[in-house]
Protein backbone atom coordinates (compact mmCIF):
# COMPACT_ATOMS: atom_id res chain seq x y z
CA MET A 1 100.57 109.46 103.10
CA LEU A 2 102.85 106.65 104.06
CA MET A 3 105.19 106.62 101.09
CA ASN A 4 107.21 109.55 99.81
CA PRO A 5 106.51 109.51 96.08
CA MET A 6 109.51 111.69 95.29
CA SER A 7 112.00 109.26 96.81
CA THR A 8 114.41 107.39 94.56
CA ARG A 9 114.72 104.59 97.06
CA ALA A 10 113.63 101.22 95.64
CA ASP A 11 113.83 98.83 98.62
CA PHE A 12 112.02 98.45 101.93
CA GLY A 13 114.00 96.44 104.46
CA ARG A 14 113.64 95.15 107.98
CA ALA A 15 114.88 98.38 109.58
CA ASP A 16 112.25 100.31 107.64
CA ALA A 17 109.53 97.91 108.74
CA GLU A 18 110.63 98.24 112.37
CA GLU A 19 110.51 102.05 112.08
CA VAL A 20 106.95 101.89 110.76
CA ALA A 21 106.01 99.36 113.46
CA ARG A 22 107.09 101.84 116.14
CA HIS A 23 104.42 104.22 114.84
CA TRP A 24 101.54 101.73 114.54
CA PRO A 25 99.46 103.43 117.28
CA ILE A 26 99.38 106.62 115.20
CA PHE A 27 98.14 104.71 112.17
CA LEU A 28 95.54 102.91 114.29
CA VAL A 29 94.22 106.07 115.94
CA ALA A 30 94.15 107.92 112.59
CA GLY A 31 92.18 105.12 110.98
CA LEU A 32 89.71 104.77 113.85
CA THR A 33 89.24 108.54 114.03
CA SER A 34 88.46 108.65 110.32
CA LEU A 35 85.93 105.83 110.68
CA VAL A 36 84.16 107.53 113.58
CA PHE A 37 84.20 110.97 111.95
CA GLY A 38 82.96 109.53 108.65
CA ALA A 39 80.09 107.69 110.32
CA LEU A 40 79.11 110.81 112.27
CA ILE A 41 79.27 113.04 109.18
CA LEU A 42 76.89 110.70 107.37
CA SER A 43 74.49 110.08 110.25
CA VAL A 44 73.97 113.49 111.93
CA ASP A 45 71.68 116.25 110.62
CA TRP A 46 74.22 119.09 110.70
CA SER A 47 73.89 122.85 110.59
CA VAL A 48 76.34 124.56 108.23
CA ASP A 49 78.51 125.94 111.05
CA SER A 50 78.65 122.75 113.07
CA LEU A 51 79.46 120.61 110.01
CA ALA A 52 82.22 123.00 108.95
CA THR A 53 83.71 122.95 112.45
CA PHE A 54 83.50 119.16 112.65
CA VAL A 55 85.12 118.62 109.24
CA GLY A 56 87.71 121.30 110.02
CA VAL A 57 88.71 119.47 113.20
CA LEU A 58 88.94 116.25 111.18
CA PHE A 59 91.28 117.92 108.67
CA ILE A 60 93.44 119.26 111.51
CA LEU A 61 93.65 115.86 113.22
CA GLN A 62 94.42 114.04 109.98
CA GLY A 63 96.98 116.67 109.06
CA ALA A 64 98.71 116.21 112.42
CA SER A 65 98.64 112.45 111.97
CA VAL A 66 100.19 112.63 108.52
CA ALA A 67 102.77 115.20 109.62
CA ILE A 68 104.11 113.12 112.52
CA THR A 69 104.34 109.76 110.77
CA PRO A 70 107.38 108.79 108.72
CA PRO A 71 107.05 107.74 105.08
CA LEU A 72 107.18 103.97 104.63
CA ASP A 73 110.22 104.16 102.40
CA GLY A 74 112.30 105.72 105.17
CA SER A 75 112.99 108.90 103.23
CA ASP A 76 112.84 112.41 104.63
CA ARG A 77 109.61 113.47 106.27
CA TRP A 78 109.14 116.59 104.15
CA SER A 79 106.38 115.14 101.97
CA ASN A 80 104.39 113.99 104.99
CA LEU A 81 105.05 117.22 106.85
CA GLY A 82 103.95 119.29 103.86
CA ALA A 83 100.78 117.26 103.29
CA GLY A 84 99.93 117.42 106.99
CA VAL A 85 100.40 121.17 107.18
CA ILE A 86 98.23 121.69 104.08
CA ALA A 87 95.46 119.56 105.59
CA ALA A 88 95.65 121.43 108.90
CA ILE A 89 95.54 124.81 107.14
CA ALA A 90 92.48 123.65 105.20
CA GLY A 91 90.87 122.65 108.51
CA VAL A 92 91.57 126.01 110.09
CA ALA A 93 90.22 127.80 107.00
CA LEU A 94 87.08 125.70 107.11
CA ILE A 95 86.48 126.57 110.76
CA ALA A 96 87.24 130.27 110.21
CA TRP A 97 84.98 130.66 107.15
CA PRO A 98 82.29 127.96 107.43
CA ASP A 99 79.87 129.49 104.92
CA LYS A 100 82.48 129.82 102.16
CA GLY A 101 84.37 126.80 103.41
CA LEU A 102 81.59 124.31 102.87
CA ARG A 103 81.12 125.57 99.33
CA THR A 104 84.75 124.79 98.61
CA VAL A 105 85.22 121.73 100.81
CA GLY A 106 84.50 119.60 97.76
CA VAL A 107 87.50 121.17 96.06
CA PHE A 108 89.74 120.54 99.10
CA VAL A 109 88.53 116.96 99.38
CA GLY A 110 88.81 116.38 95.65
CA ILE A 111 92.38 117.68 95.49
CA TRP A 112 93.34 115.76 98.62
CA VAL A 113 91.88 112.51 97.31
CA LEU A 114 93.55 112.90 93.90
CA VAL A 115 96.97 113.72 95.34
CA PHE A 116 96.72 111.11 98.09
CA GLY A 117 95.54 108.45 95.64
CA GLY A 118 98.25 109.25 93.14
CA CYS A 119 100.98 109.32 95.74
CA THR A 120 99.73 106.16 97.43
CA SER A 121 99.55 104.36 94.08
CA SER A 122 103.03 105.54 93.23
CA GLY A 123 104.29 104.38 96.63
CA ARG A 124 102.56 101.03 96.25
CA SER A 125 104.25 100.52 92.89
CA ARG A 126 107.61 101.17 94.53
CA ILE A 127 107.02 98.54 97.19
CA ALA A 128 105.91 96.00 94.59
CA LYS A 129 108.87 96.98 92.38
CA SER A 130 106.42 97.56 89.61
CA PRO A 131 107.66 98.96 86.32
CA ILE A 132 105.30 101.94 86.69
CA GLY A 133 107.37 103.41 89.61
CA GLY A 134 108.69 106.92 89.18
CA SER A 135 107.29 109.88 91.01
CA CYS A 136 103.85 110.78 92.25
CA TRP A 137 103.04 112.33 88.88
CA SER A 138 104.20 109.54 86.56
């Protein structure tokens, strides 16, 4: 999550862009990791335990990536930190309980995609100074 949807900040200036630019390797590694993991998930014939472990590690890595990157709007890191910790906890839970975890991974993924999509859309509207703005839930 690059944008903090709860921020009231409406502008994104040069200093903000330079701050994000300092973290571009994190964004690059996170994106490449997701591409590789996604391709492997779709192409390998997994056992339940190995798939749960693999997806759990992915959640942990993505959670760490989100937690250490600043929001694009330059606001506090609490939204990114919270989202990253939740993803990492989901990864640990998936590794610890693979049989139950894979049954509920759809719920974790569904919630993550909905929240991430809503927050990203909200953040995008802030950058574009769209009239929809507001918070993640508006």
